[in-house]
């Protein structure tokens, strides 16, 4: 594999994404405080895994990744809104996100809630403006429906509800998988499928890319649970041990630390098997998979 291919790609497209996010929020005719709160969390950093997955999927089809910019900004807005709400006192009650005070610690609970609401609703306006020469109306509708499902009760919101209801309980592995397939995995899956749909993927490719994203989402969360137990707070940018403090079931708790590491390897390997079956140029997607397996954020 070409050395450090992802580094150059990520630098270029993260910069493009972040410039577009700033431009989109700047042009809003809204009270300055809400725009400041939205940008505070949008600019908090992170690897931008979801947009990069979307860009890399387009690249796998040899299509200009810039055609995914509308969808990429939309998915990052949804992800950021979910983090703002997830950190609230009524949910996970976290003080630190990506190495900075959480949104509600800076702007108060009410503005944090409204900033999340604003990002969620704006994301649908943004994705709805994908130009006709990038996607037909039928293709655009498919992407919007997939995004709504990934973010809603059948996706991220449903997973968040199950996560909250599971606090203080001893969950089974199946119950824990359900939480993370929905809370984390569905939006990762959308990022891959959005790129594939925009690229005109075949049904077989969609099937394998969906399976790839499914395994990648589980790997992402298993690694997150491992890092919550043994990670460096300065490196991962959030409070270590918050899952234990919130009495949440985790993969290391259910499988042991070594068992969780084995489960991580299994999910990563299965993800790569499905990537290979697409017949696409998947170097970047493979590198993102390796990044998730060893991430330090």
C-alpha atoms as a PDB file:
ATOM      1  CA  UNK A   1       0.000   0.000   0.000  1.00  0.00           C
ATOM      2  CA  UNK A   2       1.205   3.482  -0.826  1.00  0.00           C
ATOM      3  CA  UNK A   3       2.893   4.947   2.251  1.00  0.00           C
ATOM      4  CA  UNK A   4       0.882   7.538   4.181  1.00  0.00           C
ATOM      5  CA  UNK A   5      -1.743   7.777   1.453  1.00  0.00           C
ATOM      6  CA  UNK A   6      -4.454   8.558   3.993  1.00  0.00           C
ATOM      7  CA  UNK A   7      -2.451  11.323   5.692  1.00  0.00           C
ATOM      8  CA  UNK A   8      -2.317  13.487   2.568  1.00  0.00           C
ATOM      9  CA  UNK A   9      -5.910  12.677   1.627  1.00  0.00           C
ATOM     10  CA  UNK A  10      -7.198  13.423   5.131  1.00  0.00           C
ATOM     11  CA  UNK A  11      -5.312  16.700   5.361  1.00  0.00           C
ATOM     12  CA  UNK A  12      -6.734  17.930   2.057  1.00  0.00           C
ATOM     13  CA  UNK A  13     -10.323  16.903   2.662  1.00  0.00           C
ATOM     14  CA  UNK A  14     -10.482  17.786   6.340  1.00  0.00           C
ATOM     15  CA  UNK A  15      -9.363  21.294   5.422  1.00  0.00           C
ATOM     16  CA  UNK A  16     -11.985  21.457   2.665  1.00  0.00           C
ATOM     17  CA  UNK A  17     -14.670  20.168   5.035  1.00  0.00           C
ATOM     18  CA  UNK A  18     -13.801  22.582   7.825  1.00  0.00           C
ATOM     19  CA  UNK A  19     -13.742  25.578   5.493  1.00  0.00           C
ATOM     20  CA  UNK A  20     -17.171  24.599   4.194  1.00  0.00           C
ATOM     21  CA  UNK A  21     -18.588  24.118   7.695  1.00  0.00           C
ATOM     22  CA  UNK A  22     -17.393  27.581   8.703  1.00  0.00           C
ATOM     23  CA  UNK A  23     -18.817  29.113   5.533  1.00  0.00           C
ATOM     24  CA  UNK A  24     -22.191  27.421   6.012  1.00  0.00           C
ATOM     25  CA  UNK A  25     -22.573  28.597   9.620  1.00  0.00           C
ATOM     26  CA  UNK A  26     -21.235  32.087   8.924  1.00  0.00           C
ATOM     27  CA  UNK A  27     -23.915  32.761   6.335  1.00  0.00           C
ATOM     28  CA  UNK A  28     -26.787  31.880   8.664  1.00  0.00           C
ATOM     29  CA  UNK A  29     -29.027  34.816   9.630  1.00  0.00           C
ATOM     30  CA  UNK A  30     -29.336  33.855  13.299  1.00  0.00           C
ATOM     31  CA  UNK A  31     -28.428  35.134  16.802  1.00  0.00           C
ATOM     32  CA  UNK A  32     -24.614  35.218  17.151  1.00  0.00           C
ATOM     33  CA  UNK A  33     -24.652  33.086  20.316  1.00  0.00           C
ATOM     34  CA  UNK A  34     -26.199  30.077  18.571  1.00  0.00           C
ATOM     35  CA  UNK A  35     -23.768  30.323  15.653  1.00  0.00           C
ATOM     36  CA  UNK A  36     -20.868  30.580  18.121  1.00  0.00           C
ATOM     37  CA  UNK A  37     -22.087  27.502  19.994  1.00  0.00           C
ATOM     38  CA  UNK A  38     -22.507  25.512  16.767  1.00  0.00           C
ATOM     39  CA  UNK A  39     -19.007  26.414  15.584  1.00  0.00           C
ATOM     40  CA  UNK A  40     -17.461  25.754  18.997  1.00  0.00           C
ATOM     41  CA  UNK A  41     -18.334  22.078  18.685  1.00  0.00           C
ATOM     42  CA  UNK A  42     -17.862  21.815  14.920  1.00  0.00           C
ATOM     43  CA  UNK A  43     -14.329  23.164  15.304  1.00  0.00           C
ATOM     44  CA  UNK A  44     -13.442  21.038  18.325  1.00  0.00           C
ATOM     45  CA  UNK A  45     -11.331  18.765  16.137  1.00  0.00           C
ATOM     46  CA  UNK A  46     -11.336  15.004  15.796  1.00  0.00           C
ATOM     47  CA  UNK A  47     -10.366  12.728  12.932  1.00  0.00           C
ATOM     48  CA  UNK A  48     -13.538  13.485  10.900  1.00  0.00           C
ATOM     49  CA  UNK A  49     -13.928   9.733  10.346  1.00  0.00           C
ATOM     50  CA  UNK A  50     -17.456   9.948   8.925  1.00  0.00           C
ATOM     51  CA  UNK A  51     -16.742  12.540   6.224  1.00  0.00           C
ATOM     52  CA  UNK A  52     -13.475  10.780   5.386  1.00  0.00           C
ATOM     53  CA  UNK A  53     -15.335   7.502   4.914  1.00  0.00           C
ATOM     54  CA  UNK A  54     -17.685   9.240   2.503  1.00  0.00           C
ATOM     55  CA  UNK A  55     -14.868  10.904   0.570  1.00  0.00           C
ATOM     56  CA  UNK A  56     -12.859   7.664   0.489  1.00  0.00           C
ATOM     57  CA  UNK A  57     -15.844   5.695  -0.821  1.00  0.00           C
ATOM     58  CA  UNK A  58     -16.190   8.111  -3.733  1.00  0.00           C
ATOM     59  CA  UNK A  59     -12.443   7.769  -4.330  1.00  0.00           C
ATOM     60  CA  UNK A  60     -12.870   3.983  -4.453  1.00  0.00           C
ATOM     61  CA  UNK A  61     -15.095   4.545  -7.500  1.00  0.00           C
ATOM     62  CA  UNK A  62     -12.535   6.950  -9.005  1.00  0.00           C
ATOM     63  CA  UNK A  63     -15.041   9.793  -8.610  1.00  0.00           C
ATOM     64  CA  UNK A  64     -13.937  13.252  -7.458  1.00  0.00           C
ATOM     65  CA  UNK A  65     -14.420  13.179  -3.656  1.00  0.00           C
ATOM     66  CA  UNK A  66     -15.413  16.869  -3.744  1.00  0.00           C
ATOM     67  CA  UNK A  67     -18.784  15.703  -5.065  1.00  0.00           C
ATOM     68  CA  UNK A  68     -19.413  14.362  -1.574  1.00  0.00           C
ATOM     69  CA  UNK A  69     -18.871  17.694   0.198  1.00  0.00           C
ATOM     70  CA  UNK A  70     -22.567  18.453   0.748  1.00  0.00           C
ATOM     71  CA  UNK A  71     -23.242  15.025   2.237  1.00  0.00           C
ATOM     72  CA  UNK A  72     -19.996  15.103   4.232  1.00  0.00           C
ATOM     73  CA  UNK A  73     -20.795  18.430   5.893  1.00  0.00           C
ATOM     74  CA  UNK A  74     -24.302  17.189   6.642  1.00  0.00           C
ATOM     75  CA  UNK A  75     -23.121  13.997   8.342  1.00  0.00           C
ATOM     76  CA  UNK A  76     -20.544  15.912  10.384  1.00  0.00           C
ATOM     77  CA  UNK A  77     -23.284  18.297  11.556  1.00  0.00           C
ATOM     78  CA  UNK A  78     -25.401  15.342  12.687  1.00  0.00           C
ATOM     79  CA  UNK A  79     -22.453  13.706  14.434  1.00  0.00           C
ATOM     80  CA  UNK A  80     -21.571  16.960  16.192  1.00  0.00           C
ATOM     81  CA  UNK A  81     -25.149  17.573  17.309  1.00  0.00           C
ATOM     82  CA  UNK A  82     -25.209  14.078  18.799  1.00  0.00           C
ATOM     83  CA  UNK A  83     -22.033  14.763  20.790  1.00  0.00           C
ATOM     84  CA  UNK A  84     -23.406  18.042  22.170  1.00  0.00           C
ATOM     85  CA  UNK A  85     -26.569  16.317  23.366  1.00  0.00           C
ATOM     86  CA  UNK A  86     -24.737  13.188  24.540  1.00  0.00           C
ATOM     87  CA  UNK A  87     -22.580  15.291  26.874  1.00  0.00           C
ATOM     88  CA  UNK A  88     -25.520  17.044  28.575  1.00  0.00           C
ATOM     89  CA  UNK A  89     -26.124  16.548  32.321  1.00  0.00           C
ATOM     90  CA  UNK A  90     -29.376  14.721  31.549  1.00  0.00           C
ATOM     91  CA  UNK A  91     -27.484  12.170  29.456  1.00  0.00           C
ATOM     92  CA  UNK A  92     -23.783  11.333  29.962  1.00  0.00           C
ATOM     93  CA  UNK A  93     -22.954  14.479  31.949  1.00  0.00           C
ATOM     94  CA  UNK A  94     -19.448  14.867  30.518  1.00  0.00           C
ATOM     95  CA  UNK A  95     -17.236  17.885  31.157  1.00  0.00           C
ATOM     96  CA  UNK A  96     -14.640  17.216  28.449  1.00  0.00           C
ATOM     97  CA  UNK A  97     -14.947  16.548  24.720  1.00  0.00           C
ATOM     98  CA  UNK A  98     -11.964  16.372  22.359  1.00  0.00           C
ATOM     99  CA  UNK A  99      -9.783  17.972  25.012  1.00  0.00           C
ATOM    100  CA  UNK A 100     -12.056  20.999  25.508  1.00  0.00           C
ATOM    101  CA  UNK A 101     -14.893  21.821  27.919  1.00  0.00           C
ATOM    102  CA  UNK A 102     -18.159  20.416  26.576  1.00  0.00           C
ATOM    103  CA  UNK A 103     -20.602  22.763  24.858  1.00  0.00           C
ATOM    104  CA  UNK A 104     -22.994  23.089  27.787  1.00  0.00           C
ATOM    105  CA  UNK A 105     -20.094  23.929  30.108  1.00  0.00           C
ATOM    106  CA  UNK A 106     -19.315  26.958  27.939  1.00  0.00           C
ATOM    107  CA  UNK A 107     -22.743  28.072  26.695  1.00  0.00           C
ATOM    108  CA  UNK A 108     -25.165  26.572  29.229  1.00  0.00           C
ATOM    109  CA  UNK A 109     -27.607  23.711  28.818  1.00  0.00           C
ATOM    110  CA  UNK A 110     -30.286  25.604  26.895  1.00  0.00           C
ATOM    111  CA  UNK A 111     -28.011  26.980  24.177  1.00  0.00           C
ATOM    112  CA  UNK A 112     -26.261  23.593  23.893  1.00  0.00           C
ATOM    113  CA  UNK A 113     -29.610  21.874  23.274  1.00  0.00           C
ATOM    114  CA  UNK A 114     -30.582  24.484  20.693  1.00  0.00           C
ATOM    115  CA  UNK A 115     -27.166  24.340  18.984  1.00  0.00           C
ATOM    116  CA  UNK A 116     -27.634  20.585  18.569  1.00  0.00           C
ATOM    117  CA  UNK A 117     -31.156  21.129  17.231  1.00  0.00           C
ATOM    118  CA  UNK A 118     -29.844  23.738  14.796  1.00  0.00           C
ATOM    119  CA  UNK A 119     -27.114  21.441  13.475  1.00  0.00           C
ATOM    120  CA  UNK A 120     -29.532  18.549  12.978  1.00  0.00           C
ATOM    121  CA  UNK A 121     -32.089  20.579  11.056  1.00  0.00           C
ATOM    122  CA  UNK A 122     -29.472  22.457   9.029  1.00  0.00           C
ATOM    123  CA  UNK A 123     -27.905  19.171   7.943  1.00  0.00           C
ATOM    124  CA  UNK A 124     -31.025  18.303   5.929  1.00  0.00           C
ATOM    125  CA  UNK A 125     -31.053  21.708   4.257  1.00  0.00           C
ATOM    126  CA  UNK A 126     -27.387  21.283   3.328  1.00  0.00           C
ATOM    127  CA  UNK A 127     -27.695  17.779   1.893  1.00  0.00           C
ATOM    128  CA  UNK A 128     -30.837  18.770   0.029  1.00  0.00           C
ATOM    129  CA  UNK A 129     -28.749  21.234  -1.986  1.00  0.00           C
ATOM    130  CA  UNK A 130     -26.563  18.616  -3.688  1.00  0.00           C
ATOM    131  CA  UNK A 131     -26.410  19.922  -7.289  1.00  0.00           C
ATOM    132  CA  UNK A 132     -28.378  18.109  -9.979  1.00  0.00           C
ATOM    133  CA  UNK A 133     -25.182  17.364 -11.909  1.00  0.00           C
ATOM    134  CA  UNK A 134     -23.853  15.498  -8.847  1.00  0.00           C
ATOM    135  CA  UNK A 135     -26.973  13.431  -8.240  1.00  0.00           C
ATOM    136  CA  UNK A 136     -30.370  12.884  -9.855  1.00  0.00           C
ATOM    137  CA  UNK A 137     -33.464  13.703  -7.809  1.00  0.00           C
ATOM    138  CA  UNK A 138     -34.048   9.963  -7.217  1.00  0.00           C
ATOM    139  CA  UNK A 139     -30.465   9.468  -6.031  1.00  0.00           C
ATOM    140  CA  UNK A 140     -30.658  12.514  -3.763  1.00  0.00           C
ATOM    141  CA  UNK A 141     -33.902  11.252  -2.231  1.00  0.00           C
ATOM    142  CA  UNK A 142     -32.279   7.867  -1.496  1.00  0.00           C
ATOM    143  CA  UNK A 143     -29.375   9.598   0.276  1.00  0.00           C
ATOM    144  CA  UNK A 144     -31.673  11.822   2.344  1.00  0.00           C
ATOM    145  CA  UNK A 145     -33.836   8.868   3.398  1.00  0.00           C
ATOM    146  CA  UNK A 146     -30.742   6.882   4.406  1.00  0.00           C
ATOM    147  CA  UNK A 147     -29.501   9.836   6.475  1.00  0.00           C
ATOM    148  CA  UNK A 148     -32.839  10.256   8.235  1.00  0.00           C
ATOM    149  CA  UNK A 149     -32.972   6.532   9.082  1.00  0.00           C
ATOM    150  CA  UNK A 150     -29.375   6.524  10.322  1.00  0.00           C
ATOM    151  CA  UNK A 151     -29.931   9.521  12.595  1.00  0.00           C
ATOM    152  CA  UNK A 152     -33.409   8.660  13.889  1.00  0.00           C
ATOM    153  CA  UNK A 153     -35.209   6.114  16.055  1.00  0.00           C
ATOM    154  CA  UNK A 154     -34.099   3.200  13.881  1.00  0.00           C
ATOM    155  CA  UNK A 155     -30.522   4.412  14.110  1.00  0.00           C
ATOM    156  CA  UNK A 156     -28.542   6.729  16.355  1.00  0.00           C
ATOM    157  CA  UNK A 157     -31.427   7.969  18.519  1.00  0.00           C
ATOM    158  CA  UNK A 158     -32.671   4.432  19.104  1.00  0.00           C
ATOM    159  CA  UNK A 159     -29.178   3.367  20.112  1.00  0.00           C
ATOM    160  CA  UNK A 160     -28.872   6.320  22.489  1.00  0.00           C
ATOM    161  CA  UNK A 161     -32.179   5.424  24.155  1.00  0.00           C
ATOM    162  CA  UNK A 162     -31.084   1.802  24.583  1.00  0.00           C
ATOM    163  CA  UNK A 163     -27.750   3.037  25.962  1.00  0.00           C
ATOM    164  CA  UNK A 164     -29.444   5.210  28.588  1.00  0.00           C
ATOM    165  CA  UNK A 165     -31.888   2.458  29.561  1.00  0.00           C
ATOM    166  CA  UNK A 166     -28.977   0.052  29.921  1.00  0.00           C
ATOM    167  CA  UNK A 167     -27.116   2.164  32.493  1.00  0.00           C
ATOM    168  CA  UNK A 168     -26.747   0.369  35.793  1.00  0.00           C
ATOM    169  CA  UNK A 169     -27.802  -2.954  34.236  1.00  0.00           C
ATOM    170  CA  UNK A 170     -25.800  -6.025  33.269  1.00  0.00           C
ATOM    171  CA  UNK A 171     -26.390  -6.231  29.547  1.00  0.00           C
ATOM    172  CA  UNK A 172     -25.907  -9.275  27.369  1.00  0.00           C
ATOM    173  CA  UNK A 173     -23.474  -9.122  24.459  1.00  0.00           C
ATOM    174  CA  UNK A 174     -26.445  -9.052  22.074  1.00  0.00           C
ATOM    175  CA  UNK A 175     -27.954  -6.066  23.891  1.00  0.00           C
ATOM    176  CA  UNK A 176     -24.623  -4.244  23.884  1.00  0.00           C
ATOM    177  CA  UNK A 177     -24.186  -4.923  20.165  1.00  0.00           C
ATOM    178  CA  UNK A 178     -27.654  -3.478  19.502  1.00  0.00           C
ATOM    179  CA  UNK A 179     -26.732  -0.245  21.271  1.00  0.00           C
ATOM    180  CA  UNK A 180     -23.540   0.303  19.343  1.00  0.00           C
ATOM    181  CA  UNK A 181     -24.746  -0.929  15.953  1.00  0.00           C
ATOM    182  CA  UNK A 182     -27.356   1.816  16.218  1.00  0.00           C
ATOM    183  CA  UNK A 183     -25.751   4.577  18.301  1.00  0.00           C
ATOM    184  CA  UNK A 184     -22.406   4.570  16.469  1.00  0.00           C
ATOM    185  CA  UNK A 185     -22.602   2.155  13.567  1.00  0.00           C
ATOM    186  CA  UNK A 186     -25.596   3.495  11.669  1.00  0.00           C
ATOM    187  CA  UNK A 187     -24.039   6.902  11.013  1.00  0.00           C
ATOM    188  CA  UNK A 188     -20.740   5.294   9.968  1.00  0.00           C
ATOM    189  CA  UNK A 189     -22.729   3.035   7.658  1.00  0.00           C
ATOM    190  CA  UNK A 190     -24.571   6.015   6.206  1.00  0.00           C
ATOM    191  CA  UNK A 191     -21.269   7.730   5.437  1.00  0.00           C
ATOM    192  CA  UNK A 192     -20.139   4.757   3.348  1.00  0.00           C
ATOM    193  CA  UNK A 193     -23.507   4.161   1.688  1.00  0.00           C
ATOM    194  CA  UNK A 194     -23.979   7.837   0.834  1.00  0.00           C
ATOM    195  CA  UNK A 195     -20.712   7.787  -1.113  1.00  0.00           C
ATOM    196  CA  UNK A 196     -21.671   4.521  -2.781  1.00  0.00           C
ATOM    197  CA  UNK A 197     -25.163   5.700  -3.755  1.00  0.00           C
ATOM    198  CA  UNK A 198     -23.775   8.946  -5.176  1.00  0.00           C
ATOM    199  CA  UNK A 199     -21.281   6.847  -7.151  1.00  0.00           C
ATOM    200  CA  UNK A 200     -23.967   4.593  -8.629  1.00  0.00           C
ATOM    201  CA  UNK A 201     -22.991   1.417  -6.766  1.00  0.00           C
ATOM    202  CA  UNK A 202     -24.374  -1.970  -7.788  1.00  0.00           C
ATOM    203  CA  UNK A 203     -26.627  -3.894  -5.407  1.00  0.00           C
ATOM    204  CA  UNK A 204     -23.793  -6.337  -4.704  1.00  0.00           C
ATOM    205  CA  UNK A 205     -21.407  -3.492  -3.877  1.00  0.00           C
ATOM    206  CA  UNK A 206     -23.989  -1.861  -1.604  1.00  0.00           C
ATOM    207  CA  UNK A 207     -24.429  -5.177   0.208  1.00  0.00           C
ATOM    208  CA  UNK A 208     -20.700  -5.611   0.819  1.00  0.00           C
ATOM    209  CA  UNK A 209     -20.118  -1.956   1.715  1.00  0.00           C
ATOM    210  CA  UNK A 210     -23.016  -2.122   4.166  1.00  0.00           C
ATOM    211  CA  UNK A 211     -21.482  -5.222   5.786  1.00  0.00           C
ATOM    212  CA  UNK A 212     -18.067  -3.539   5.811  1.00  0.00           C
ATOM    213  CA  UNK A 213     -19.524  -0.528   7.635  1.00  0.00           C
ATOM    214  CA  UNK A 214     -21.410  -2.773  10.070  1.00  0.00           C
ATOM    215  CA  UNK A 215     -18.206  -4.493  11.189  1.00  0.00           C
ATOM    216  CA  UNK A 216     -16.319  -1.198  11.182  1.00  0.00           C
ATOM    217  CA  UNK A 217     -18.913   0.364  13.489  1.00  0.00           C
ATOM    218  CA  UNK A 218     -18.599  -2.461  15.995  1.00  0.00           C
ATOM    219  CA  UNK A 219     -14.801  -2.260  15.804  1.00  0.00           C
ATOM    220  CA  UNK A 220     -14.988   1.480  16.430  1.00  0.00           C
ATOM    221  CA  UNK A 221     -16.994   0.997  19.615  1.00  0.00           C
ATOM    222  CA  UNK A 222     -14.972  -1.931  20.924  1.00  0.00           C
ATOM    223  CA  UNK A 223     -11.834   0.167  20.544  1.00  0.00           C
ATOM    224  CA  UNK A 224     -13.616   3.107  22.198  1.00  0.00           C
ATOM    225  CA  UNK A 225     -14.445   0.903  25.201  1.00  0.00           C
ATOM    226  CA  UNK A 226     -10.848  -0.314  25.380  1.00  0.00           C
ATOM    227  CA  UNK A 227      -9.535   3.256  25.296  1.00  0.00           C
ATOM    228  CA  UNK A 228     -12.008   4.303  27.980  1.00  0.00           C
ATOM    229  CA  UNK A 229     -10.383   1.704  30.201  1.00  0.00           C
ATOM    230  CA  UNK A 230      -6.697   2.075  29.348  1.00  0.00           C
ATOM    231  CA  UNK A 231      -6.443   5.216  27.190  1.00  0.00           C
ATOM    232  CA  UNK A 232      -4.553   8.427  27.816  1.00  0.00           C
ATOM    233  CA  UNK A 233      -6.997  11.286  28.498  1.00  0.00           C
ATOM    234  CA  UNK A 234      -4.802  13.837  26.726  1.00  0.00           C
ATOM    235  CA  UNK A 235      -4.587  11.638  23.637  1.00  0.00           C
ATOM    236  CA  UNK A 236      -8.237  10.588  23.379  1.00  0.00           C
ATOM    237  CA  UNK A 237      -9.575  14.025  24.353  1.00  0.00           C
ATOM    238  CA  UNK A 238     -12.261  12.939  26.801  1.00  0.00           C
ATOM    239  CA  UNK A 239     -12.545  11.775  30.370  1.00  0.00           C
ATOM    240  CA  UNK A 240     -11.095   8.290  30.836  1.00  0.00           C
ATOM    241  CA  UNK A 241     -13.328   5.979  32.849  1.00  0.00           C
ATOM    242  CA  UNK A 242     -16.589   7.798  32.070  1.00  0.00           C
ATOM    243  CA  UNK A 243     -18.283   4.517  31.084  1.00  0.00           C
ATOM    244  CA  UNK A 244     -17.495   3.019  34.476  1.00  0.00           C
ATOM    245  CA  UNK A 245     -18.626   6.198  36.236  1.00  0.00           C
ATOM    246  CA  UNK A 246     -21.939   6.058  34.351  1.00  0.00           C
ATOM    247  CA  UNK A 247     -22.381   2.343  35.181  1.00  0.00           C
ATOM    248  CA  UNK A 248     -22.427   1.290  31.531  1.00  0.00           C
ATOM    249  CA  UNK A 249     -21.798  -2.184  30.217  1.00  0.00           C
ATOM    250  CA  UNK A 250     -18.739  -2.339  27.958  1.00  0.00           C
ATOM    251  CA  UNK A 251     -16.999  -4.912  25.791  1.00  0.00           C
ATOM    252  CA  UNK A 252     -14.014  -5.292  28.153  1.00  0.00           C
ATOM    253  CA  UNK A 253     -16.440  -5.782  31.032  1.00  0.00           C
ATOM    254  CA  UNK A 254     -18.309  -8.549  29.208  1.00  0.00           C
ATOM    255  CA  UNK A 255     -15.399 -10.152  27.356  1.00  0.00           C
ATOM    256  CA  UNK A 256     -12.360  -9.143  29.476  1.00  0.00           C
ATOM    257  CA  UNK A 257      -9.763  -6.735  28.112  1.00  0.00           C
ATOM    258  CA  UNK A 258      -8.026  -9.459  26.118  1.00  0.00           C
ATOM    259  CA  UNK A 259     -11.348 -10.770  24.863  1.00  0.00           C
ATOM    260  CA  UNK A 260     -12.315  -7.286  23.702  1.00  0.00           C
ATOM    261  CA  UNK A 261      -9.023  -6.977  21.819  1.00  0.00           C
ATOM    262  CA  UNK A 262      -9.704 -10.303  20.114  1.00  0.00           C
ATOM    263  CA  UNK A 263     -13.226  -9.147  19.209  1.00  0.00           C
ATOM    264  CA  UNK A 264     -11.752  -5.938  17.772  1.00  0.00           C
ATOM    265  CA  UNK A 265      -9.381  -7.925  15.550  1.00  0.00           C
ATOM    266  CA  UNK A 266     -12.246 -10.136  14.377  1.00  0.00           C
ATOM    267  CA  UNK A 267     -14.427  -7.174  13.391  1.00  0.00           C
ATOM    268  CA  UNK A 268     -11.559  -5.471  11.578  1.00  0.00           C
ATOM    269  CA  UNK A 269     -10.746  -8.640   9.636  1.00  0.00           C
ATOM    270  CA  UNK A 270     -14.391  -9.179   8.652  1.00  0.00           C
ATOM    271  CA  UNK A 271     -14.658  -5.561   7.522  1.00  0.00           C
ATOM    272  CA  UNK A 272     -11.662  -6.011   5.233  1.00  0.00           C
ATOM    273  CA  UNK A 273     -13.072  -9.243   3.778  1.00  0.00           C
ATOM    274  CA  UNK A 274     -16.180  -7.391   2.613  1.00  0.00           C
ATOM    275  CA  UNK A 275     -14.113  -4.518   1.233  1.00  0.00           C
ATOM    276  CA  UNK A 276     -12.186  -6.912  -0.965  1.00  0.00           C
ATOM    277  CA  UNK A 277     -15.438  -8.367  -2.340  1.00  0.00           C
ATOM    278  CA  UNK A 278     -16.508  -4.973  -3.736  1.00  0.00           C
ATOM    279  CA  UNK A 279     -13.883  -5.133  -6.480  1.00  0.00           C
ATOM    280  CA  UNK A 280     -13.139  -1.442  -5.913  1.00  0.00           C
ATOM    281  CA  UNK A 281      -9.957   0.524  -5.347  1.00  0.00           C
ATOM    282  CA  UNK A 282     -10.255   0.471  -1.546  1.00  0.00           C
ATOM    283  CA  UNK A 283      -6.793   1.518  -0.324  1.00  0.00           C
ATOM    284  CA  UNK A 284      -8.112   4.586   1.499  1.00  0.00           C
ATOM    285  CA  UNK A 285     -10.988   2.683   3.103  1.00  0.00           C
ATOM    286  CA  UNK A 286      -8.520   0.036   4.292  1.00  0.00           C
ATOM    287  CA  UNK A 287      -6.307   2.700   5.830  1.00  0.00           C
ATOM    288  CA  UNK A 288      -9.277   4.258   7.642  1.00  0.00           C
ATOM    289  CA  UNK A 289     -10.114   0.780   8.952  1.00  0.00           C
ATOM    290  CA  UNK A 290      -6.555   0.428  10.273  1.00  0.00           C
ATOM    291  CA  UNK A 291      -6.776   3.910  11.799  1.00  0.00           C
ATOM    292  CA  UNK A 292      -9.920   2.958  13.709  1.00  0.00           C
ATOM    293  CA  UNK A 293      -8.242  -0.233  14.933  1.00  0.00           C
ATOM    294  CA  UNK A 294      -5.335   1.702  16.408  1.00  0.00           C
ATOM    295  CA  UNK A 295      -6.732   5.195  16.896  1.00  0.00           C
ATOM    296  CA  UNK A 296      -5.400   7.423  19.667  1.00  0.00           C
ATOM    297  CA  UNK A 297      -8.227   9.942  19.885  1.00  0.00           C
END
